[in-house]
């Protein structure tokens, strides 16, 4: 996903251990996991709403085409 090798991962873990400390490292890891989950879900919901918007546009386009076809078959002059 991020194209991180073993060496880079070990370096990140050592830096986190030094910066955060051994006692708070599990708390930070849980917070980071929750944050990533929220971000992933937000992106997934945004993509779903974009797809819904595209579907709505497609349905409107089909409705307009159907209306135009009906008008071609049964033209309305406005006079009786």
Protein backbone atom coordinates (compact mmCIF):
# COMPACT_ATOMS: atom_id res chain seq x y z
CA UNK A 1 0.00 0.00 0.00
CA UNK A 2 2.64 2.54 1.03
CA UNK A 3 5.53 0.53 -0.43
CA UNK A 4 7.37 0.39 2.91
CA UNK A 5 10.11 -2.18 3.34
CA UNK A 6 11.16 -4.01 6.48
CA UNK A 7 14.03 -1.57 7.19
CA UNK A 8 11.73 1.45 7.01
CA UNK A 9 9.12 -0.25 9.19
CA UNK A 10 11.71 -1.07 11.86
CA UNK A 11 13.00 2.52 11.77
CA UNK A 12 9.45 3.87 12.23
CA UNK A 13 8.82 1.51 15.15
CA UNK A 14 12.12 2.47 16.86
CA UNK A 15 11.36 6.18 16.43
CA UNK A 16 7.85 5.71 17.81
CA UNK A 17 9.25 3.77 20.77
CA UNK A 18 11.78 6.52 21.52
CA UNK A 19 9.42 9.46 20.97
CA UNK A 20 6.32 8.08 22.68
CA UNK A 21 7.82 5.74 25.22
CA UNK A 22 7.04 2.14 26.04
CA UNK A 23 4.10 2.90 28.32
CA UNK A 24 2.15 5.07 25.91
CA UNK A 25 3.01 3.17 22.72
CA UNK A 26 -0.06 0.85 22.92
CA UNK A 27 -2.36 3.86 23.45
CA UNK A 28 -0.87 5.66 20.47
CA UNK A 29 -1.14 2.53 18.34
CA UNK A 30 -4.85 2.13 19.22
CA UNK A 31 -5.49 5.82 18.51
CA UNK A 32 -3.71 5.56 15.18
CA UNK A 33 -5.67 2.43 14.22
CA UNK A 34 -9.00 4.10 15.12
CA UNK A 35 -8.04 7.24 13.21
CA UNK A 36 -7.11 5.27 10.11
CA UNK A 37 -10.37 3.33 10.34
CA UNK A 38 -12.39 6.57 10.54
CA UNK A 39 -10.50 8.05 7.59
CA UNK A 40 -10.97 4.88 5.53
CA UNK A 41 -14.72 4.80 6.29
CA UNK A 42 -15.07 8.50 5.45
CA UNK A 43 -13.36 7.99 2.10
CA UNK A 44 -15.52 4.93 1.40
CA UNK A 45 -18.71 6.88 2.17
CA UNK A 46 -17.60 9.79 0.01
CA UNK A 47 -16.90 7.45 -2.90
CA UNK A 48 -20.31 5.83 -2.44
CA UNK A 49 -22.04 9.20 -2.52
CA UNK A 50 -20.14 10.13 -5.67
CA UNK A 51 -21.34 6.91 -7.28
CA UNK A 52 -24.91 7.71 -6.20
CA UNK A 53 -24.63 11.13 -7.84
CA UNK A 54 -23.45 9.49 -11.06
CA UNK A 55 -26.37 7.05 -10.92
CA UNK A 56 -28.83 9.91 -10.41
CA UNK A 57 -27.40 11.73 -13.43
CA UNK A 58 -27.74 8.57 -15.50
CA UNK A 59 -31.38 8.09 -14.47
CA UNK A 60 -32.18 11.74 -15.25
CA UNK A 61 -30.54 11.38 -18.65
CA UNK A 62 -32.59 8.25 -19.37
CA UNK A 63 -35.76 10.05 -18.27
CA UNK A 64 -35.01 12.97 -20.57
CA UNK A 65 -34.38 10.61 -23.48
CA UNK A 66 -37.66 8.82 -22.77
CA UNK A 67 -39.54 12.13 -22.62
CA UNK A 68 -38.01 13.22 -25.93
CA UNK A 69 -38.96 9.91 -27.54
CA UNK A 70 -42.54 10.19 -26.33
CA UNK A 71 -42.74 13.76 -27.65
CA UNK A 72 -41.48 12.55 -31.03
CA UNK A 73 -44.12 9.82 -31.15
CA UNK A 74 -47.00 11.95 -29.81
CA UNK A 75 -46.29 15.58 -30.64
CA UNK A 76 -48.31 18.12 -28.68
CA UNK A 77 -49.39 21.13 -30.67
CA UNK A 78 -51.24 22.83 -27.87
CA UNK A 79 -54.41 22.99 -30.00
CA UNK A 80 -57.42 20.71 -29.84
